[in-house]
Protein backbone atom coordinates (compact mmCIF):
# COMPACT_ATOMS: atom_id res chain seq x y z
CA MET A 1 0.03 -0.03 -0.05
CA TYR A 2 2.89 2.37 0.76
CA GLU A 3 4.47 1.76 -2.64
CA LEU A 4 1.16 2.58 -4.29
CA PHE A 5 0.80 5.87 -2.50
CA THR A 6 4.31 6.82 -3.22
CA LYS A 7 3.87 6.10 -6.92
CA LEU A 8 0.55 8.02 -7.01
CA SER A 9 2.07 10.92 -5.19
CA SER A 10 5.14 11.03 -7.47
CA TRP A 11 2.96 11.22 -10.65
CA MET A 12 0.13 13.49 -9.14
CA ILE A 13 1.81 16.83 -10.05
CA PRO A 14 2.81 15.98 -13.61
CA ALA A 15 -0.64 14.57 -14.20
CA ILE A 16 -2.31 17.83 -13.00
CA ILE A 17 0.32 19.85 -15.08
CA VAL A 18 -0.97 17.81 -18.25
CA PHE A 19 -4.48 17.63 -17.36
CA ILE A 20 -5.33 21.37 -16.78
CA PRO A 21 -4.00 22.51 -20.30
CA LEU A 22 -5.72 19.60 -21.95
CA TYR A 23 -9.04 20.44 -20.21
CA ALA A 24 -8.76 24.00 -21.18
CA ALA A 25 -8.00 23.30 -24.65
CA MET A 26 -10.55 20.47 -25.24
CA ARG A 27 -13.37 21.39 -23.03
CA ARG A 28 -13.23 25.29 -22.79
CA ARG A 29 -11.65 25.69 -26.24
CA ILE A 30 -9.09 28.20 -24.85
CA PRO A 31 -5.96 28.60 -27.07
CA VAL A 32 -3.48 27.32 -24.43
CA TYR A 33 -0.26 28.26 -26.00
CA GLU A 34 -1.15 31.70 -26.87
CA THR A 35 -2.72 32.23 -23.53
CA PHE A 36 0.66 31.05 -21.84
CA VAL A 37 2.66 33.50 -24.10
CA GLU A 38 0.43 36.44 -23.13
CA GLY A 39 0.79 35.49 -19.42
CA ALA A 40 4.56 35.08 -19.83
CA LYS A 41 4.69 38.63 -21.27
CA ASP A 42 2.80 40.04 -18.42
CA GLY A 43 4.96 38.02 -16.02
CA PHE A 44 8.11 39.62 -17.49
CA GLY A 45 6.65 43.13 -17.05
CA THR A 46 5.97 42.34 -13.38
CA ALA A 47 9.37 40.86 -12.81
CA ILE A 48 11.02 44.07 -14.22
CA SER A 49 8.86 46.27 -12.07
CA ILE A 50 9.83 44.71 -8.94
CA ILE A 51 13.59 44.71 -9.41
CA PRO A 52 14.08 48.05 -8.07
CA PRO A 53 12.31 47.52 -4.68
CA LEU A 54 14.21 44.11 -4.39
CA VAL A 55 17.54 45.71 -4.94
CA GLY A 56 16.82 48.39 -2.50
CA MET A 57 15.78 45.91 0.10
CA MET A 58 18.83 43.71 -0.58
CA VAL A 59 20.96 46.70 -0.09
CA ALA A 60 19.29 47.70 3.13
CA ILE A 61 19.68 44.13 4.51
CA SER A 62 23.53 44.05 3.59
CA MET A 63 24.01 47.49 5.25
CA PHE A 64 22.07 46.32 8.38
CA ARG A 65 24.28 43.32 8.76
CA ALA A 66 27.60 44.82 7.64
CA SER A 67 27.28 47.93 9.86
CA GLY A 68 27.18 46.04 13.02
CA ALA A 69 23.44 47.15 13.84
CA MET A 70 22.44 43.61 13.96
CA ASP A 71 25.11 42.52 16.39
CA LEU A 72 24.32 45.48 18.58
CA MET A 73 20.67 44.70 18.57
CA LEU A 74 21.49 41.12 19.51
CA SER A 75 23.77 42.10 22.38
CA ALA A 76 21.02 44.35 23.82
CA VAL A 77 18.38 41.64 24.08
CA LYS A 78 20.76 38.77 24.76
CA PRO A 79 20.62 39.21 28.67
CA ALA A 80 16.90 39.06 28.63
CA PHE A 81 16.89 36.03 26.43
CA ASP A 82 19.26 34.40 28.67
CA TRP A 83 17.30 35.16 31.78
CA MET A 84 14.14 33.57 30.10
CA GLY A 85 16.04 30.38 29.33
CA ILE A 86 15.77 30.90 25.53
CA PRO A 87 18.98 29.73 23.65
CA SER A 88 20.71 32.87 22.41
CA GLU A 89 21.88 30.99 19.32
CA VAL A 90 18.50 31.55 17.76
CA LEU A 91 18.22 35.22 18.24
CA PRO A 92 19.90 36.24 14.85
CA LEU A 93 17.20 34.11 13.24
CA GLY A 94 14.54 36.17 14.67
CA ILE A 95 15.86 39.19 13.03
CA LEU A 96 16.93 37.56 9.82
CA ARG A 97 13.76 35.70 9.08
CA PRO A 98 11.52 38.73 8.35
CA LEU A 99 14.27 40.17 6.16
CA THR A 100 15.51 37.38 4.03
CA GLY A 101 14.46 33.91 3.33
CA ALA A 102 17.70 32.60 2.02
CA GLY A 103 19.80 34.22 4.69
CA SER A 104 17.46 32.75 7.52
CA LEU A 105 17.59 29.41 5.70
CA ALA A 106 21.32 29.43 5.49
CA PHE A 107 21.45 30.43 9.32
CA THR A 108 19.13 27.65 10.27
CA ALA A 109 21.23 25.18 8.22
CA ASP A 110 24.21 26.30 10.05
CA LEU A 111 22.56 25.94 13.28
CA ILE A 112 21.36 22.45 12.39
CA GLY A 113 24.88 21.54 11.16
CA THR A 114 26.46 22.84 14.40
CA TYR A 115 24.12 21.50 16.93
CA GLY A 116 22.28 18.70 15.09
CA PRO A 117 18.68 18.45 14.03
CA ASP A 118 17.44 16.75 17.23
CA SER A 119 19.05 19.40 19.50
CA MET A 120 16.88 22.13 21.13
CA ILE A 121 18.58 24.77 19.13
CA GLY A 122 17.95 22.67 15.91
CA ARG A 123 14.25 22.06 16.73
CA ILE A 124 13.57 25.74 17.82
CA ALA A 125 15.36 27.03 14.67
CA SER A 126 13.26 24.66 12.38
CA THR A 127 10.03 25.61 14.15
CA ILE A 128 10.90 29.34 13.79
CA GLN A 129 11.60 28.74 10.16
CA GLY A 130 8.10 27.21 9.66
CA SER A 131 6.06 29.57 11.81
CA THR A 132 7.36 32.95 10.50
CA ASP A 133 7.53 34.57 7.14
CA THR A 134 9.88 36.69 5.16
CA THR A 135 7.63 39.75 5.83
CA LEU A 136 9.75 42.63 4.34
CA TYR A 137 10.44 40.45 1.13
CA VAL A 138 6.69 39.74 0.66
CA LEU A 139 5.70 43.34 1.31
CA THR A 140 8.36 44.58 -1.15
CA VAL A 141 7.56 42.11 -3.80
CA TYR A 142 3.79 42.36 -3.68
CA PHE A 143 3.52 46.00 -3.05
CA GLY A 144 6.16 46.88 -5.43
CA ALA A 145 4.60 44.80 -8.18
CA ILE A 146 1.39 46.79 -8.04
CA ALA A 147 3.04 50.07 -7.09
CA VAL A 148 1.31 50.34 -3.67
CA ARG A 149 2.61 53.51 -1.86
CA ARG A 150 0.47 53.49 1.40
CA THR A 151 0.81 50.03 2.87
CA ARG A 152 -1.50 50.91 6.00
CA TYR A 153 -1.07 48.31 8.56
CA ALA A 154 0.49 45.57 6.64
CA LEU A 155 4.06 46.09 7.83
CA LYS A 156 2.95 46.32 11.47
CA VAL A 157 0.70 43.38 11.36
CA GLY A 158 3.28 41.25 9.35
CA LEU A 159 6.10 41.97 11.76
CA PHE A 160 3.72 41.46 14.74
CA SER A 161 2.90 37.97 13.39
CA ASP A 162 6.58 37.24 12.94
CA ILE A 163 7.17 38.34 16.62
CA VAL A 164 4.30 36.07 17.79
CA GLY A 165 5.49 33.13 15.53
CA PHE A 166 9.08 33.47 16.80
CA PHE A 167 8.11 33.41 20.61
CA ALA A 168 5.33 30.78 19.99
CA ALA A 169 7.91 28.59 18.25
CA ILE A 170 10.26 28.81 21.16
CA ALA A 171 7.59 28.28 23.87
CA ILE A 172 6.23 25.32 22.06
CA CYS A 173 9.59 23.80 21.54
CA LEU A 174 10.60 24.38 25.12
CA TYR A 175 7.30 22.93 26.35
CA ILE A 176 7.28 19.78 24.18
CA PHE A 177 10.88 18.93 24.01
CA ARG A 178 12.27 19.65 27.53
C-alpha cells in the first residue's frame, strides 16, 4: 500500500500539469499556447517592475548586517533571553527571518549543522523557520509589483505576526521537548 501511495504521489503533480492545459484546450476551447505566451509577457513586465524594490531591500539588509547594527541589537536583548532560558543562538534567526528567506535558511542550516537537528536549538530554529515569514520581502514584492505607496497596517501586522510566531515557536519547543 505504501508503494502505491508513493507512486501515486510522485505522478500527481505531472498529471495535474498535463490535465489542466488539456482540459482548457478541449473542453473550454481556450488557445493554451497563446494564453501562456500572453501570461509570460505580463509576468516579464511584473518581474522588471519589482527589481528596484528588491535591490533596495537587499542593499538595506546588507547594510544592516555589515554595519554591526544587527550585532548591537542582539547584544542588547541577549541578557533578557538568557534570563528567560531561550537559547541565544536562535536570536539572529528572529531578526533575519523577516528580512531574507535565503539568509535565514542558511543560518538555520548552519545551526542544524553545528548543533544537530534533534538538539533544542535545531528544533527551535526549524520551528521558527516554519512559523514565521519573510515579511519585508513579501511586502516589497507584492506592493512593489502593483506600485502600492500606502501600505497601511500591513508592515505592523506582518512584523507582529513574526514576533508572535518567533516566541510561540520557542515556547512550544521548550514545552514539548524539555
